[in-house]
Amino acid sequence: MTTQTTSAWDVFFNDKRYKDLLDELNKHFSETRLLLKQGYRQDIVREKMNDKVFGMQMKFKELGQKMIDEHETKLQKLEQDNKVVTFDDPQAELLKRQDLEAKVSLIDNNELVHLIQNIDPDDVGVYEISVYAKAIEKRLTENQQQRVRDFHVVKEKVLYPFRNNEEYQQLEHDLAVLYQFGMQVKGQPVDRDEEGNIKIMNIADQYNEIFK
């Protein structure tokens, strides 16, 4: 089975362990062809090569699961790193929070809408977002809430800053490819043919084809 090459498959081809396994598998195929060419009976060749060839399926399954585990660990680390917030001056931060709470409680709804519309996501933290979110829920009318509907975008940026991280996005994309392809379940690798197209390899079928 072949499909057009896309960058999605780079998660495999950029991994040296994966390329080494592909080389190992192709060497087993080459050895099988050579033994048959040398005149050995098929049963003798199968006795010598079966364990080597079919053992590759388990190796690809194990590597597939290992790659998934590694990607999930990296994602979790990026999430944790972005959740750690420290303040150079905790006392000043406390006063800043108290000032915001007082300001939000004193201004009218139109002023509150204007304030929320002009939030800088790079200048607020989770606490400030929670103050604004409560004020929106408890004070603003449905029409006023429509005027600050972009607040959820700011909220996402503040609560989940790692989602805007290019490394995080790439890891998340690669992890989706790993899960969807399912090498950890099927033990079937992918390779590129002479034209650069992707071919999904069924190890058993490709091995048995050599004997025909």
C-alpha atoms as a PDB file:
ATOM      1  CA  MET A   1       0.000   0.000   0.000  1.00  0.00           C
ATOM      2  CA  THR A   2       1.434   3.370  -1.014  1.00  0.00           C
ATOM      3  CA  THR A   3       0.474   6.944  -0.263  1.00  0.00           C
ATOM      4  CA  GLN A   4       2.020  10.287  -1.154  1.00  0.00           C
ATOM      5  CA  THR A   5       4.859  11.338   1.083  1.00  0.00           C
ATOM      6  CA  THR A   6       3.978  13.988   3.661  1.00  0.00           C
ATOM      7  CA  SER A   7       5.914  15.571   6.480  1.00  0.00           C
ATOM      8  CA  ALA A   8       3.703  13.652   8.906  1.00  0.00           C
ATOM      9  CA  TRP A   9       5.951  10.630   8.466  1.00  0.00           C
ATOM     10  CA  ASP A  10       9.048  12.550   9.553  1.00  0.00           C
ATOM     11  CA  VAL A  11       8.385  11.425  13.116  1.00  0.00           C
ATOM     12  CA  PHE A  12       9.561   7.994  11.938  1.00  0.00           C
ATOM     13  CA  PHE A  13      12.214   8.855   9.380  1.00  0.00           C
ATOM     14  CA  ASN A  14      13.951  11.391  11.634  1.00  0.00           C
ATOM     15  CA  ASP A  15      14.380   8.755  14.347  1.00  0.00           C
ATOM     16  CA  LYS A  16      17.694   6.885  14.063  1.00  0.00           C
ATOM     17  CA  ARG A  17      16.319   3.894  15.984  1.00  0.00           C
ATOM     18  CA  TYR A  18      13.533   3.531  13.453  1.00  0.00           C
ATOM     19  CA  LYS A  19      15.880   3.801  10.479  1.00  0.00           C
ATOM     20  CA  ASP A  20      18.155   1.199  12.057  1.00  0.00           C
ATOM     21  CA  LEU A  21      15.224  -1.209  12.407  1.00  0.00           C
ATOM     22  CA  LEU A  22      14.249  -0.640   8.777  1.00  0.00           C
ATOM     23  CA  ASP A  23      17.815  -1.412   7.715  1.00  0.00           C
ATOM     24  CA  GLU A  24      17.781  -4.560   9.837  1.00  0.00           C
ATOM     25  CA  LEU A  25      14.481  -5.709   8.307  1.00  0.00           C
ATOM     26  CA  ASN A  26      15.646  -5.069   4.754  1.00  0.00           C
ATOM     27  CA  LYS A  27      18.878  -6.993   5.458  1.00  0.00           C
ATOM     28  CA  HIS A  28      16.793  -9.996   6.530  1.00  0.00           C
ATOM     29  CA  PHE A  29      14.816  -9.759   3.299  1.00  0.00           C
ATOM     30  CA  SER A  30      18.038  -9.535   1.307  1.00  0.00           C
ATOM     31  CA  GLU A  31      19.500 -12.529   3.139  1.00  0.00           C
ATOM     32  CA  THR A  32      16.357 -14.531   2.399  1.00  0.00           C
ATOM     33  CA  ARG A  33      16.606 -13.741  -1.328  1.00  0.00           C
ATOM     34  CA  LEU A  34      20.283 -14.638  -1.349  1.00  0.00           C
ATOM     35  CA  LEU A  35      19.712 -18.030   0.316  1.00  0.00           C
ATOM     36  CA  LEU A  36      16.991 -18.897  -2.188  1.00  0.00           C
ATOM     37  CA  LYS A  37      19.210 -17.755  -5.047  1.00  0.00           C
ATOM     38  CA  GLN A  38      21.972 -20.003  -3.734  1.00  0.00           C
ATOM     39  CA  GLY A  39      19.640 -22.957  -4.096  1.00  0.00           C
ATOM     40  CA  TYR A  40      18.581 -23.674  -0.508  1.00  0.00           C
ATOM     41  CA  ARG A  41      15.177 -25.319  -0.123  1.00  0.00           C
ATOM     42  CA  GLN A  42      12.359 -23.065   1.003  1.00  0.00           C
ATOM     43  CA  ASP A  43      11.786 -24.985   4.228  1.00  0.00           C
ATOM     44  CA  ILE A  44      15.464 -24.646   5.130  1.00  0.00           C
ATOM     45  CA  VAL A  45      15.400 -20.925   4.391  1.00  0.00           C
ATOM     46  CA  ARG A  46      12.238 -20.428   6.446  1.00  0.00           C
ATOM     47  CA  GLU A  47      13.728 -22.377   9.336  1.00  0.00           C
ATOM     48  CA  LYS A  48      16.737 -20.060   9.290  1.00  0.00           C
ATOM     49  CA  MET A  49      14.915 -16.764   8.654  1.00  0.00           C
ATOM     50  CA  ASN A  50      11.413 -16.961  10.171  1.00  0.00           C
ATOM     51  CA  ASP A  51      12.406 -15.974  13.691  1.00  0.00           C
ATOM     52  CA  LYS A  52      14.576 -13.130  12.434  1.00  0.00           C
ATOM     53  CA  VAL A  53      11.913 -11.691  10.149  1.00  0.00           C
ATOM     54  CA  PHE A  54       8.845 -12.117  12.346  1.00  0.00           C
ATOM     55  CA  GLY A  55      10.824 -10.975  15.374  1.00  0.00           C
ATOM     56  CA  MET A  56      11.033  -7.586  13.661  1.00  0.00           C
ATOM     57  CA  GLN A  57       7.311  -7.056  14.169  1.00  0.00           C
ATOM     58  CA  MET A  58       7.794  -7.120  17.930  1.00  0.00           C
ATOM     59  CA  LYS A  59      10.745  -4.735  17.637  1.00  0.00           C
ATOM     60  CA  PHE A  60       8.640  -2.250  15.677  1.00  0.00           C
ATOM     61  CA  LYS A  61       5.791  -2.596  18.199  1.00  0.00           C
ATOM     62  CA  GLU A  62       8.158  -1.939  21.086  1.00  0.00           C
ATOM     63  CA  LEU A  63       9.724   1.076  19.382  1.00  0.00           C
ATOM     64  CA  GLY A  64       6.286   2.439  18.476  1.00  0.00           C
ATOM     65  CA  GLN A  65       5.184   2.297  22.105  1.00  0.00           C
ATOM     66  CA  LYS A  66       8.478   3.761  23.286  1.00  0.00           C
ATOM     67  CA  MET A  67       8.117   6.709  20.886  1.00  0.00           C
ATOM     68  CA  ILE A  68       4.586   7.345  22.165  1.00  0.00           C
ATOM     69  CA  ASP A  69       5.763   7.245  25.775  1.00  0.00           C
ATOM     70  CA  GLU A  70       8.627   9.626  25.008  1.00  0.00           C
ATOM     71  CA  HIS A  71       6.357  12.131  23.248  1.00  0.00           C
ATOM     72  CA  GLU A  72       3.823  12.064  26.083  1.00  0.00           C
ATOM     73  CA  THR A  73       6.580  12.632  28.642  1.00  0.00           C
ATOM     74  CA  LYS A  74       7.949  15.611  26.687  1.00  0.00           C
ATOM     75  CA  LEU A  75       4.465  17.115  26.371  1.00  0.00           C
ATOM     76  CA  GLN A  76       3.857  16.732  30.100  1.00  0.00           C
ATOM     77  CA  LYS A  77       7.202  18.377  30.887  1.00  0.00           C
ATOM     78  CA  LEU A  78       6.421  21.367  28.663  1.00  0.00           C
ATOM     79  CA  GLU A  79       3.021  21.698  30.340  1.00  0.00           C
ATOM     80  CA  GLN A  80       4.586  21.593  33.797  1.00  0.00           C
ATOM     81  CA  ASP A  81       7.361  24.027  32.876  1.00  0.00           C
ATOM     82  CA  ASN A  82       4.781  26.541  31.689  1.00  0.00           C
ATOM     83  CA  LYS A  83       2.656  26.141  34.808  1.00  0.00           C
ATOM     84  CA  VAL A  84       5.453  27.116  37.181  1.00  0.00           C
ATOM     85  CA  VAL A  85       5.002  30.805  37.969  1.00  0.00           C
ATOM     86  CA  THR A  86       7.293  32.716  40.298  1.00  0.00           C
ATOM     87  CA  PHE A  87       7.104  36.353  41.391  1.00  0.00           C
ATOM     88  CA  ASP A  88      10.136  38.541  42.028  1.00  0.00           C
ATOM     89  CA  ASP A  89       8.135  40.586  44.520  1.00  0.00           C
ATOM     90  CA  PRO A  90       5.245  38.585  46.082  1.00  0.00           C
ATOM     91  CA  GLN A  91       4.121  41.580  48.134  1.00  0.00           C
ATOM     92  CA  ALA A  92       3.824  43.777  45.042  1.00  0.00           C
ATOM     93  CA  GLU A  93       1.925  40.978  43.280  1.00  0.00           C
ATOM     94  CA  LEU A  94      -0.530  40.753  46.190  1.00  0.00           C
ATOM     95  CA  LEU A  95      -1.129  44.519  46.091  1.00  0.00           C
ATOM     96  CA  LYS A  96      -1.624  44.344  42.328  1.00  0.00           C
ATOM     97  CA  ARG A  97      -4.291  41.662  42.762  1.00  0.00           C
ATOM     98  CA  GLN A  98      -6.081  43.611  45.471  1.00  0.00           C
ATOM     99  CA  ASP A  99      -6.003  46.720  43.310  1.00  0.00           C
ATOM    100  CA  LEU A 100      -7.557  44.839  40.372  1.00  0.00           C
ATOM    101  CA  GLU A 101     -10.316  43.367  42.555  1.00  0.00           C
ATOM    102  CA  ALA A 102     -11.128  46.824  43.913  1.00  0.00           C
ATOM    103  CA  LYS A 103     -11.092  48.396  40.470  1.00  0.00           C
ATOM    104  CA  VAL A 104     -13.389  45.733  38.965  1.00  0.00           C
ATOM    105  CA  SER A 105     -15.834  46.090  41.862  1.00  0.00           C
ATOM    106  CA  LEU A 106     -16.006  49.896  41.530  1.00  0.00           C
ATOM    107  CA  ILE A 107     -16.370  50.429  37.772  1.00  0.00           C
ATOM    108  CA  ASP A 108     -19.670  50.108  35.947  1.00  0.00           C
ATOM    109  CA  ASN A 109     -20.417  47.427  33.372  1.00  0.00           C
ATOM    110  CA  ASN A 110     -19.528  49.523  30.343  1.00  0.00           C
ATOM    111  CA  GLU A 111     -16.144  50.328  31.866  1.00  0.00           C
ATOM    112  CA  LEU A 112     -15.714  46.652  32.706  1.00  0.00           C
ATOM    113  CA  VAL A 113     -16.414  45.692  29.091  1.00  0.00           C
ATOM    114  CA  HIS A 114     -13.845  48.245  27.905  1.00  0.00           C
ATOM    115  CA  LEU A 115     -11.295  46.954  30.416  1.00  0.00           C
ATOM    116  CA  ILE A 116     -11.779  43.320  29.345  1.00  0.00           C
ATOM    117  CA  GLN A 117     -11.633  44.228  25.657  1.00  0.00           C
ATOM    118  CA  ASN A 118      -8.177  45.704  26.203  1.00  0.00           C
ATOM    119  CA  ILE A 119      -6.574  42.905  28.232  1.00  0.00           C
ATOM    120  CA  ASP A 120      -2.988  42.150  27.240  1.00  0.00           C
ATOM    121  CA  PRO A 121      -2.525  38.358  27.602  1.00  0.00           C
ATOM    122  CA  ASP A 122       1.190  38.910  28.162  1.00  0.00           C
ATOM    123  CA  ASP A 123       0.507  41.194  31.107  1.00  0.00           C
ATOM    124  CA  VAL A 124      -1.989  39.125  33.115  1.00  0.00           C
ATOM    125  CA  GLY A 125      -1.848  35.851  35.000  1.00  0.00           C
ATOM    126  CA  VAL A 126      -4.264  33.143  36.010  1.00  0.00           C
ATOM    127  CA  TYR A 127      -5.500  35.101  39.031  1.00  0.00           C
ATOM    128  CA  GLU A 128      -6.410  38.166  36.985  1.00  0.00           C
ATOM    129  CA  ILE A 129      -8.183  35.969  34.425  1.00  0.00           C
ATOM    130  CA  SER A 130     -10.254  34.396  37.208  1.00  0.00           C
ATOM    131  CA  VAL A 131     -11.296  37.869  38.453  1.00  0.00           C
ATOM    132  CA  TYR A 132     -12.421  38.894  34.983  1.00  0.00           C
ATOM    133  CA  ALA A 133     -14.185  35.554  34.362  1.00  0.00           C
ATOM    134  CA  LYS A 134     -16.226  35.882  37.574  1.00  0.00           C
ATOM    135  CA  ALA A 135     -17.150  39.469  36.729  1.00  0.00           C
ATOM    136  CA  ILE A 136     -18.304  38.452  33.239  1.00  0.00           C
ATOM    137  CA  GLU A 137     -20.425  35.620  34.599  1.00  0.00           C
ATOM    138  CA  LYS A 138     -22.012  37.542  37.489  1.00  0.00           C
ATOM    139  CA  ARG A 139     -22.391  41.079  36.136  1.00  0.00           C
ATOM    140  CA  LEU A 140     -22.551  41.307  32.356  1.00  0.00           C
ATOM    141  CA  THR A 141     -25.743  40.974  30.371  1.00  0.00           C
ATOM    142  CA  GLU A 142     -25.915  38.581  27.420  1.00  0.00           C
ATOM    143  CA  ASN A 143     -25.374  41.485  25.032  1.00  0.00           C
ATOM    144  CA  GLN A 144     -22.380  42.736  27.023  1.00  0.00           C
ATOM    145  CA  GLN A 145     -20.928  39.222  27.128  1.00  0.00           C
ATOM    146  CA  GLN A 146     -21.076  39.143  23.319  1.00  0.00           C
ATOM    147  CA  ARG A 147     -18.948  42.288  23.258  1.00  0.00           C
ATOM    148  CA  VAL A 148     -16.210  40.506  25.248  1.00  0.00           C
ATOM    149  CA  ARG A 149     -16.526  37.126  23.469  1.00  0.00           C
ATOM    150  CA  ASP A 150     -12.837  37.275  22.551  1.00  0.00           C
ATOM    151  CA  PHE A 151     -12.028  36.953  26.243  1.00  0.00           C
ATOM    152  CA  HIS A 152     -11.983  33.154  25.862  1.00  0.00           C
ATOM    153  CA  VAL A 153      -9.005  33.502  23.464  1.00  0.00           C
ATOM    154  CA  VAL A 154      -7.064  35.476  26.067  1.00  0.00           C
ATOM    155  CA  LYS A 155      -8.099  32.983  28.725  1.00  0.00           C
ATOM    156  CA  GLU A 156      -6.758  30.073  26.645  1.00  0.00           C
ATOM    157  CA  LYS A 157      -3.429  31.848  26.080  1.00  0.00           C
ATOM    158  CA  VAL A 158      -2.993  32.498  29.790  1.00  0.00           C
ATOM    159  CA  LEU A 159      -4.175  29.108  31.072  1.00  0.00           C
ATOM    160  CA  TYR A 160      -2.450  27.022  28.389  1.00  0.00           C
ATOM    161  CA  PRO A 161       0.589  28.980  27.199  1.00  0.00           C
ATOM    162  CA  PHE A 162       2.310  25.778  26.063  1.00  0.00           C
ATOM    163  CA  ARG A 163      -0.275  25.371  23.290  1.00  0.00           C
ATOM    164  CA  ASN A 164       1.312  28.345  21.519  1.00  0.00           C
ATOM    165  CA  ASN A 165       4.746  26.749  21.815  1.00  0.00           C
ATOM    166  CA  GLU A 166       6.005  25.473  18.433  1.00  0.00           C
ATOM    167  CA  GLU A 167       7.792  22.537  20.043  1.00  0.00           C
ATOM    168  CA  TYR A 168       4.610  21.568  21.892  1.00  0.00           C
ATOM    169  CA  GLN A 169       2.522  21.799  18.718  1.00  0.00           C
ATOM    170  CA  GLN A 170       5.004  19.616  16.807  1.00  0.00           C
ATOM    171  CA  LEU A 171       5.109  17.021  19.588  1.00  0.00           C
ATOM    172  CA  GLU A 172       1.313  16.992  19.757  1.00  0.00           C
ATOM    173  CA  HIS A 173       1.106  16.531  15.965  1.00  0.00           C
ATOM    174  CA  ASP A 174       3.710  13.754  15.958  1.00  0.00           C
ATOM    175  CA  LEU A 175       1.990  11.971  18.829  1.00  0.00           C
ATOM    176  CA  ALA A 176      -1.285  11.993  16.889  1.00  0.00           C
ATOM    177  CA  VAL A 177       0.521  10.429  13.900  1.00  0.00           C
ATOM    178  CA  LEU A 178       2.043   7.736  16.116  1.00  0.00           C
ATOM    179  CA  TYR A 179      -1.322   6.824  17.613  1.00  0.00           C
ATOM    180  CA  GLN A 180      -3.205   6.912  14.320  1.00  0.00           C
ATOM    181  CA  PHE A 181      -0.680   4.802  12.421  1.00  0.00           C
ATOM    182  CA  GLY A 182      -0.628   2.263  15.228  1.00  0.00           C
ATOM    183  CA  MET A 183       2.822   0.739  14.772  1.00  0.00           C
ATOM    184  CA  GLN A 184       2.767  -0.092  18.484  1.00  0.00           C
ATOM    185  CA  VAL A 185      -0.210  -2.400  17.802  1.00  0.00           C
ATOM    186  CA  LYS A 186       0.430  -3.849  14.353  1.00  0.00           C
ATOM    187  CA  GLY A 187       4.210  -3.831  14.189  1.00  0.00           C
ATOM    188  CA  GLN A 188       4.011  -2.622  10.577  1.00  0.00           C
ATOM    189  CA  PRO A 189       6.580  -0.013   9.535  1.00  0.00           C
ATOM    190  CA  VAL A 190       6.487   2.507   6.700  1.00  0.00           C
ATOM    191  CA  ASP A 191       9.180   3.109   4.118  1.00  0.00           C
ATOM    192  CA  ARG A 192       9.715   5.195   1.007  1.00  0.00           C
ATOM    193  CA  ASP A 193       9.804   3.656  -2.466  1.00  0.00           C
ATOM    194  CA  GLU A 194      12.035   4.755  -5.344  1.00  0.00           C
ATOM    195  CA  GLU A 195       9.655   7.613  -6.238  1.00  0.00           C
ATOM    196  CA  GLY A 196       9.615   8.899  -2.684  1.00  0.00           C
ATOM    197  CA  ASN A 197       6.085   7.681  -1.993  1.00  0.00           C
ATOM    198  CA  ILE A 198       5.221   6.151   1.349  1.00  0.00           C
ATOM    199  CA  LYS A 199       4.592   2.432   1.455  1.00  0.00           C
ATOM    200  CA  ILE A 200       3.078   0.697   4.459  1.00  0.00           C
ATOM    201  CA  MET A 201       4.891  -2.590   4.910  1.00  0.00           C
ATOM    202  CA  ASN A 202       3.141  -5.785   5.913  1.00  0.00           C
ATOM    203  CA  ILE A 203       6.172  -7.764   7.040  1.00  0.00           C
ATOM    204  CA  ALA A 204       4.556 -11.201   6.662  1.00  0.00           C
ATOM    205  CA  ASP A 205       3.199 -10.470   3.176  1.00  0.00           C
ATOM    206  CA  GLN A 206       6.456  -8.983   1.960  1.00  0.00           C
ATOM    207  CA  TYR A 207       8.426 -11.914   3.377  1.00  0.00           C
ATOM    208  CA  ASN A 208       6.131 -14.536   1.849  1.00  0.00           C
ATOM    209  CA  GLU A 209       6.276 -12.747  -1.493  1.00  0.00           C
ATOM    210  CA  ILE A 210       9.995 -13.525  -1.663  1.00  0.00           C
ATOM    211  CA  PHE A 211       9.217 -17.251  -1.820  1.00  0.00           C
ATOM    212  CA  LYS A 212       6.850 -16.984  -4.797  1.00  0.00           C
END
